[in-house]
């Protein structure tokens, strides 16, 4: 029971604009949650129909534990959660018309390698944006065998090994939930404006999709020729960035040139670390460069101030520098 509740608790609304969205729905031996955007469902061995308040229900089951757990409805419409000498009464939503979403759509795509799909999501997730003015960037774009994500500074493209037949943009919240449950999906079900990820044990995650309108011409950025042969990314660069991180300005600006990484071009000021592999001049955001650690293997530093193309295992991308180089 606890494992099923933990699976669905990420879909519970935090605010009570619609009280029904702060409740679980228990029916047909499943437990389901929905926050207006994302819905999660898991099977449970419980032959009841009720809509318990999510947070107190989870705390009650957690306090009782799975062993000896007994659940029953009271004459007053509350859910009794009992184990041994412990008993908790949980308020339930009284109405039947709760707007809890379920899987929909006739387009079902079985993933030939769900683990590769999951691993690709995990790799690309840190590059998802959070810019409210660019809603299209607040998710992962899945297009055929490829995924894309961008925070408007770094654009990332990874091959996930499948060949999904529809272009969709999955919101960051759903990606986060898939990664939280640590299970690779086995198939995707596409509706008019939603997608459902199905898992081996009958669990599923459904989310509203983000419109793909607004995505830039990715090929114009990523299909360019490199300025010169990309050079290997030196791990010492990231050690240097962490060293000078406490000393950067509000824009997290770092300067790279002549074998050093520094927070300023002014003499006798700032923080500087020598990195012998730094041969090209460039100005970048420190946090954006750190995103490339463990991901980018080679990069075309010479392209600055144009976007610098970088390449890794089954992935590629581009990073935009700052002005002032």
Protein backbone atom coordinates (compact mmCIF):
# COMPACT_ATOMS: atom_id res chain seq x y z
CA UNK A 1 0.00 0.00 0.00
CA UNK A 2 2.71 2.49 0.96
CA UNK A 3 4.63 1.86 -2.24
CA UNK A 4 1.53 2.56 -4.35
CA UNK A 5 0.77 5.77 -2.44
CA UNK A 6 4.35 6.95 -2.82
CA UNK A 7 4.05 6.39 -6.56
CA UNK A 8 0.93 8.55 -6.94
CA UNK A 9 1.63 11.27 -4.37
CA UNK A 10 3.51 13.40 -6.91
CA UNK A 11 0.19 14.11 -8.66
CA UNK A 12 -1.56 15.73 -5.70
CA UNK A 13 -2.29 19.46 -5.99
CA UNK A 14 -0.56 21.58 -3.35
CA UNK A 15 -3.21 24.32 -3.27
CA UNK A 16 -6.94 23.91 -2.81
CA UNK A 17 -8.28 26.00 -5.70
CA UNK A 18 -10.12 22.79 -6.66
CA UNK A 19 -10.48 20.75 -3.45
CA UNK A 20 -11.03 17.52 -5.37
CA UNK A 21 -7.48 17.71 -6.73
CA UNK A 22 -6.04 17.39 -3.22
CA UNK A 23 -7.70 13.98 -2.85
CA UNK A 24 -6.88 10.52 -4.13
CA UNK A 25 -9.44 8.43 -6.00
CA UNK A 26 -9.60 4.79 -4.93
CA UNK A 27 -11.65 2.56 -7.22
CA UNK A 28 -11.37 -0.71 -9.16
CA UNK A 29 -8.40 -1.78 -7.03
CA UNK A 30 -6.37 1.27 -8.04
CA UNK A 31 -5.34 4.53 -6.40
CA UNK A 32 -5.13 7.66 -8.57
CA UNK A 33 -4.13 11.28 -8.16
CA UNK A 34 -4.48 14.30 -10.44
CA UNK A 35 -3.34 17.91 -9.97
CA UNK A 36 -4.91 19.35 -13.11
CA UNK A 37 -1.90 18.66 -15.33
CA UNK A 38 -0.44 15.30 -14.34
CA UNK A 39 -2.16 12.11 -13.16
CA UNK A 40 -0.57 9.02 -11.63
CA UNK A 41 -2.19 5.65 -10.97
CA UNK A 42 -1.08 2.42 -9.28
CA UNK A 43 -2.87 -0.87 -8.50
CA UNK A 44 -3.64 -1.65 -4.86
CA UNK A 45 -5.26 -4.62 -3.12
CA UNK A 46 -8.23 -2.66 -1.78
CA UNK A 47 -11.83 -3.25 -2.79
CA UNK A 48 -13.21 0.15 -1.80
CA UNK A 49 -14.47 3.23 -3.60
CA UNK A 50 -13.63 6.53 -1.91
CA UNK A 51 -11.73 9.80 -2.35
CA UNK A 52 -9.58 10.32 0.77
CA UNK A 53 -7.76 13.57 1.46
CA UNK A 54 -4.32 12.74 0.09
CA UNK A 55 -1.90 14.11 2.68
CA UNK A 56 -3.59 12.81 5.86
CA UNK A 57 -4.28 9.48 4.16
CA UNK A 58 -0.60 9.02 3.31
CA UNK A 59 0.45 10.01 6.85
CA UNK A 60 -2.09 7.61 8.35
CA UNK A 61 -0.91 4.65 6.27
CA UNK A 62 2.69 5.61 6.96
CA UNK A 63 2.02 5.64 10.72
CA UNK A 64 0.28 2.25 10.58
CA UNK A 65 2.59 0.50 8.17
CA UNK A 66 1.54 -2.15 5.67
CA UNK A 67 1.47 -5.06 8.12
CA UNK A 68 -1.99 -5.65 9.59
CA UNK A 69 -3.42 -2.60 7.83
CA UNK A 70 -7.22 -2.48 7.68
CA UNK A 71 -9.22 0.14 5.76
CA UNK A 72 -12.98 0.64 5.88
CA UNK A 73 -15.56 3.38 5.37
CA UNK A 74 -17.36 4.73 8.44
CA UNK A 75 -21.10 5.58 8.55
CA UNK A 76 -20.12 9.27 8.46
CA UNK A 77 -18.27 8.88 5.14
CA UNK A 78 -14.74 8.91 6.48
CA UNK A 79 -12.03 6.38 5.69
CA UNK A 80 -10.84 4.43 8.72
CA UNK A 81 -7.16 3.50 8.61
CA UNK A 82 -6.36 1.01 11.36
CA UNK A 83 -3.51 -1.23 12.46
CA UNK A 84 -3.36 -2.79 15.91
CA UNK A 85 -4.04 -0.08 18.49
CA UNK A 86 -3.68 2.73 15.93
CA UNK A 87 -6.68 4.21 14.15
CA UNK A 88 -6.99 7.30 11.96
CA UNK A 89 -10.09 8.79 10.37
CA UNK A 90 -9.50 10.53 7.05
CA UNK A 91 -11.97 12.94 5.46
CA UNK A 92 -13.16 12.00 1.98
CA UNK A 93 -14.35 14.17 -0.89
CA UNK A 94 -18.13 13.71 -1.00
CA UNK A 95 -18.88 14.40 -4.67
CA UNK A 96 -18.71 11.96 -7.58
CA UNK A 97 -17.77 14.40 -10.33
CA UNK A 98 -14.05 14.66 -9.53
CA UNK A 99 -12.16 15.72 -12.67
CA UNK A 100 -9.54 12.96 -12.41
CA UNK A 101 -7.92 12.23 -15.77
CA UNK A 102 -7.41 8.74 -17.18
CA UNK A 103 -5.40 7.43 -20.14
CA UNK A 104 -6.92 8.29 -23.50
CA UNK A 105 -6.00 8.09 -27.17
CA UNK A 106 -5.78 5.33 -29.77
CA UNK A 107 -2.13 5.94 -30.69
CA UNK A 108 -0.13 3.41 -28.66
CA UNK A 109 3.61 3.03 -29.16
CA UNK A 110 5.42 0.11 -27.54
CA UNK A 111 8.97 0.99 -26.56
CA UNK A 112 11.52 -1.52 -27.80
CA UNK A 113 14.00 -0.36 -25.17
CA UNK A 114 12.33 1.41 -22.26
CA UNK A 115 15.61 1.56 -20.31
CA UNK A 116 17.29 3.51 -23.13
CA UNK A 117 14.29 5.86 -23.25
CA UNK A 118 14.48 6.38 -19.46
CA UNK A 119 18.26 6.93 -19.57
CA UNK A 120 17.85 9.52 -22.32
CA UNK A 121 15.27 11.41 -20.24
CA UNK A 122 17.60 11.32 -17.23
CA UNK A 123 20.49 12.72 -19.29
CA UNK A 124 18.53 15.51 -20.91
CA UNK A 125 16.39 16.58 -17.92
CA UNK A 126 18.94 19.07 -16.46
CA UNK A 127 18.74 21.11 -19.68
CA UNK A 128 14.97 21.76 -19.49
CA UNK A 129 14.11 25.45 -19.23
CA UNK A 130 11.81 27.24 -16.78
CA UNK A 131 11.07 30.44 -18.69
CA UNK A 132 7.35 31.28 -18.40
CA UNK A 133 7.59 33.47 -21.50
CA UNK A 134 8.78 30.46 -23.53
CA UNK A 135 6.45 27.65 -22.42
CA UNK A 136 7.62 25.40 -25.25
CA UNK A 137 11.06 25.22 -23.59
CA UNK A 138 9.67 23.95 -20.27
CA UNK A 139 9.69 20.34 -21.35
CA UNK A 140 11.34 17.67 -23.49
CA UNK A 141 10.55 17.57 -27.19
CA UNK A 142 10.28 13.99 -28.48
CA UNK A 143 10.56 13.75 -32.25
CA UNK A 144 10.99 10.30 -33.75
CA UNK A 145 14.09 8.66 -32.26
CA UNK A 146 15.35 11.91 -30.74
CA UNK A 147 14.74 14.13 -27.72
CA UNK A 148 15.53 17.83 -27.36
CA UNK A 149 15.68 20.20 -24.40
CA UNK A 150 16.88 23.75 -23.95
CA UNK A 151 17.14 26.37 -21.24
CA UNK A 152 17.67 28.98 -23.99
CA UNK A 153 21.42 28.99 -23.31
CA UNK A 154 22.24 25.33 -23.89
CA UNK A 155 20.42 23.25 -26.49
CA UNK A 156 20.72 19.47 -26.14
CA UNK A 157 19.78 16.65 -28.51
CA UNK A 158 19.94 12.96 -27.56
CA UNK A 159 19.04 9.75 -29.38
CA UNK A 160 16.77 7.55 -27.24
CA UNK A 161 16.82 4.43 -29.39
CA UNK A 162 13.14 4.27 -30.29
CA UNK A 163 11.12 5.84 -33.08
CA UNK A 164 8.06 7.53 -31.60
CA UNK A 165 5.77 8.38 -34.56
CA UNK A 166 4.44 11.71 -33.21
CA UNK A 167 6.16 14.94 -32.22
CA UNK A 168 5.23 15.87 -28.63
CA UNK A 169 6.55 18.14 -25.87
CA UNK A 170 6.38 16.50 -22.42
CA UNK A 171 6.38 18.99 -19.51
CA UNK A 172 9.22 19.04 -17.00
CA UNK A 173 6.93 17.96 -14.15
CA UNK A 174 6.11 14.70 -15.91
CA UNK A 175 9.76 14.06 -16.73
CA UNK A 176 10.58 14.62 -13.05
CA UNK A 177 7.93 12.12 -11.97
CA UNK A 178 9.13 9.45 -14.40
CA UNK A 179 12.64 9.84 -13.04
CA UNK A 180 11.39 9.88 -9.44
CA UNK A 181 9.69 6.49 -9.73
CA UNK A 182 12.86 5.00 -11.26
CA UNK A 183 11.00 2.72 -13.67
CA UNK A 184 11.40 2.64 -17.46
CA UNK A 185 8.07 2.88 -19.30
CA UNK A 186 7.05 0.05 -21.62
CA UNK A 187 4.67 1.99 -23.89
CA UNK A 188 3.33 5.47 -24.65
CA UNK A 189 -0.33 6.25 -25.30
CA UNK A 190 -1.10 9.48 -27.12
CA UNK A 191 -4.38 11.40 -26.93
CA UNK A 192 -5.41 14.70 -28.48
CA UNK A 193 -3.55 16.83 -25.94
CA UNK A 194 -2.14 14.33 -23.45
CA UNK A 195 0.27 11.43 -23.27
CA UNK A 196 0.31 8.45 -20.88
CA UNK A 197 3.43 6.49 -19.93
CA UNK A 198 2.59 2.89 -19.00
CA UNK A 199 4.78 0.69 -16.79
CA UNK A 200 5.18 -3.07 -16.35
CA UNK A 201 3.05 -3.48 -13.22
CA UNK A 202 -0.04 -1.61 -14.43
CA UNK A 203 1.06 1.79 -13.14
CA UNK A 204 0.80 4.81 -15.37
CA UNK A 205 1.60 8.52 -15.56
CA UNK A 206 -0.56 10.80 -17.71
CA UNK A 207 0.20 14.44 -18.48
CA UNK A 208 -1.12 17.30 -20.54
CA UNK A 209 1.24 18.11 -23.38
CA UNK A 210 2.93 21.44 -24.09
CA UNK A 211 2.34 22.85 -27.56
CA UNK A 212 5.30 22.31 -29.87
CA UNK A 213 4.63 25.70 -31.48
CA UNK A 214 7.50 28.06 -30.79
CA UNK A 215 10.32 25.55 -30.95
CA UNK A 216 13.11 27.10 -33.03
CA UNK A 217 14.65 25.62 -36.16
CA UNK A 218 16.86 23.12 -34.35
CA UNK A 219 18.69 22.07 -37.49
CA UNK A 220 19.82 25.65 -38.11
CA UNK A 221 21.66 25.53 -34.77
CA UNK A 222 22.89 21.93 -34.57
CA UNK A 223 23.55 21.02 -38.20
CA UNK A 224 26.18 23.70 -38.74
CA UNK A 225 29.79 22.89 -39.58
CA UNK A 226 32.29 23.29 -36.76
CA UNK A 227 34.75 26.16 -36.94
CA UNK A 228 37.57 23.68 -36.41
CA UNK A 229 37.93 20.16 -35.12
CA UNK A 230 36.24 20.04 -31.69
CA UNK A 231 38.70 19.59 -28.84
CA UNK A 232 38.35 17.21 -25.92
CA UNK A 233 36.66 18.72 -22.90
CA UNK A 234 39.18 18.86 -20.07
CA UNK A 235 37.82 17.70 -16.66
CA UNK A 236 40.16 20.27 -15.07
CA UNK A 237 37.88 22.98 -16.49
CA UNK A 238 35.02 21.94 -14.22
CA UNK A 239 37.27 21.76 -11.17
CA UNK A 240 38.36 25.32 -11.95
CA UNK A 241 34.78 26.49 -12.34
CA UNK A 242 33.84 25.10 -8.94
CA UNK A 243 36.87 26.81 -7.41
CA UNK A 244 35.94 30.28 -8.68
CA UNK A 245 32.16 29.84 -8.32
CA UNK A 246 31.94 31.78 -4.99
CA UNK A 247 33.54 34.81 -6.67
CA UNK A 248 31.44 35.25 -9.84
CA UNK A 249 29.09 38.18 -10.42
CA UNK A 250 25.29 38.07 -10.54
CA UNK A 251 25.46 36.83 -14.14
CA UNK A 252 27.84 34.00 -13.15
CA UNK A 253 30.24 35.30 -15.80
CA UNK A 254 33.52 33.49 -16.39
CA UNK A 255 36.23 34.37 -18.89
CA UNK A 256 38.38 31.77 -20.64
CA UNK A 257 41.59 32.76 -22.44
CA UNK A 258 45.33 32.19 -22.55
CA UNK A 259 45.37 29.15 -20.27
CA UNK A 260 43.23 30.59 -17.46
CA UNK A 261 39.64 30.64 -16.28
CA UNK A 262 38.83 33.84 -14.39
CA UNK A 263 35.96 35.91 -12.98
CA UNK A 264 37.26 39.19 -14.43
CA UNK A 265 39.57 40.59 -17.07
CA UNK A 266 40.71 43.36 -14.72
CA UNK A 267 44.27 43.03 -13.46
CA UNK A 268 44.92 42.20 -9.81
CA UNK A 269 41.30 41.35 -8.99
CA UNK A 270 38.84 38.49 -9.04
CA UNK A 271 39.57 34.77 -8.92
CA UNK A 272 41.68 32.92 -11.47
CA UNK A 273 42.64 29.29 -12.02
CA UNK A 274 45.15 28.12 -14.58
CA UNK A 275 43.85 25.47 -17.01
CA UNK A 276 46.46 24.63 -19.62
CA UNK A 277 43.91 23.25 -22.11
CA UNK A 278 42.12 26.61 -22.42
CA UNK A 279 43.34 27.88 -25.79
CA UNK A 280 40.40 29.94 -27.05
CA UNK A 281 38.85 33.15 -25.88
CA UNK A 282 35.27 33.01 -24.58
CA UNK A 283 32.81 34.35 -22.04
CA UNK A 284 30.20 32.01 -20.60
CA UNK A 285 27.80 31.53 -17.72
CA UNK A 286 29.47 29.33 -15.10
CA UNK A 287 26.34 27.31 -14.30
CA UNK A 288 25.75 26.66 -18.00
CA UNK A 289 29.28 25.32 -18.43
CA UNK A 290 28.87 23.05 -15.40
CA UNK A 291 25.86 21.43 -17.10
CA UNK A 292 28.27 20.00 -19.65
CA UNK A 293 30.27 18.04 -17.07
CA UNK A 294 30.05 14.31 -17.73
CA UNK A 295 27.97 14.97 -20.85
CA UNK A 296 30.08 16.85 -23.40
CA UNK A 297 33.18 15.01 -24.60
CA UNK A 298 34.29 17.41 -27.34
CA UNK A 299 33.47 21.05 -28.04
CA UNK A 300 34.17 23.66 -30.72
CA UNK A 301 35.40 26.51 -28.48
CA UNK A 302 36.69 28.39 -31.51
CA UNK A 303 33.12 29.19 -32.62
CA UNK A 304 32.64 31.81 -29.88
CA UNK A 305 30.90 34.31 -29.99
CA UNK A 306 28.64 32.11 -32.15
CA UNK A 307 27.07 29.11 -30.36
CA UNK A 308 29.70 26.46 -29.66
CA UNK A 309 28.75 22.96 -30.79
CA UNK A 310 29.53 20.10 -28.42
CA UNK A 311 29.29 16.33 -28.71
CA UNK A 312 28.89 13.38 -26.34
CA UNK A 313 27.75 9.77 -26.33
CA UNK A 314 24.59 9.59 -28.46
CA UNK A 315 24.05 13.30 -27.92
CA UNK A 316 25.09 16.70 -29.15
CA UNK A 317 24.29 20.29 -28.36
CA UNK A 318 25.21 23.95 -28.51
CA UNK A 319 26.04 26.46 -25.82
CA UNK A 320 25.63 30.21 -26.21
CA UNK A 321 28.23 32.47 -24.61
CA UNK A 322 27.81 35.87 -23.00
CA UNK A 323 28.85 39.16 -24.51
CA UNK A 324 32.04 40.84 -23.50
CA UNK A 325 34.72 38.57 -24.90
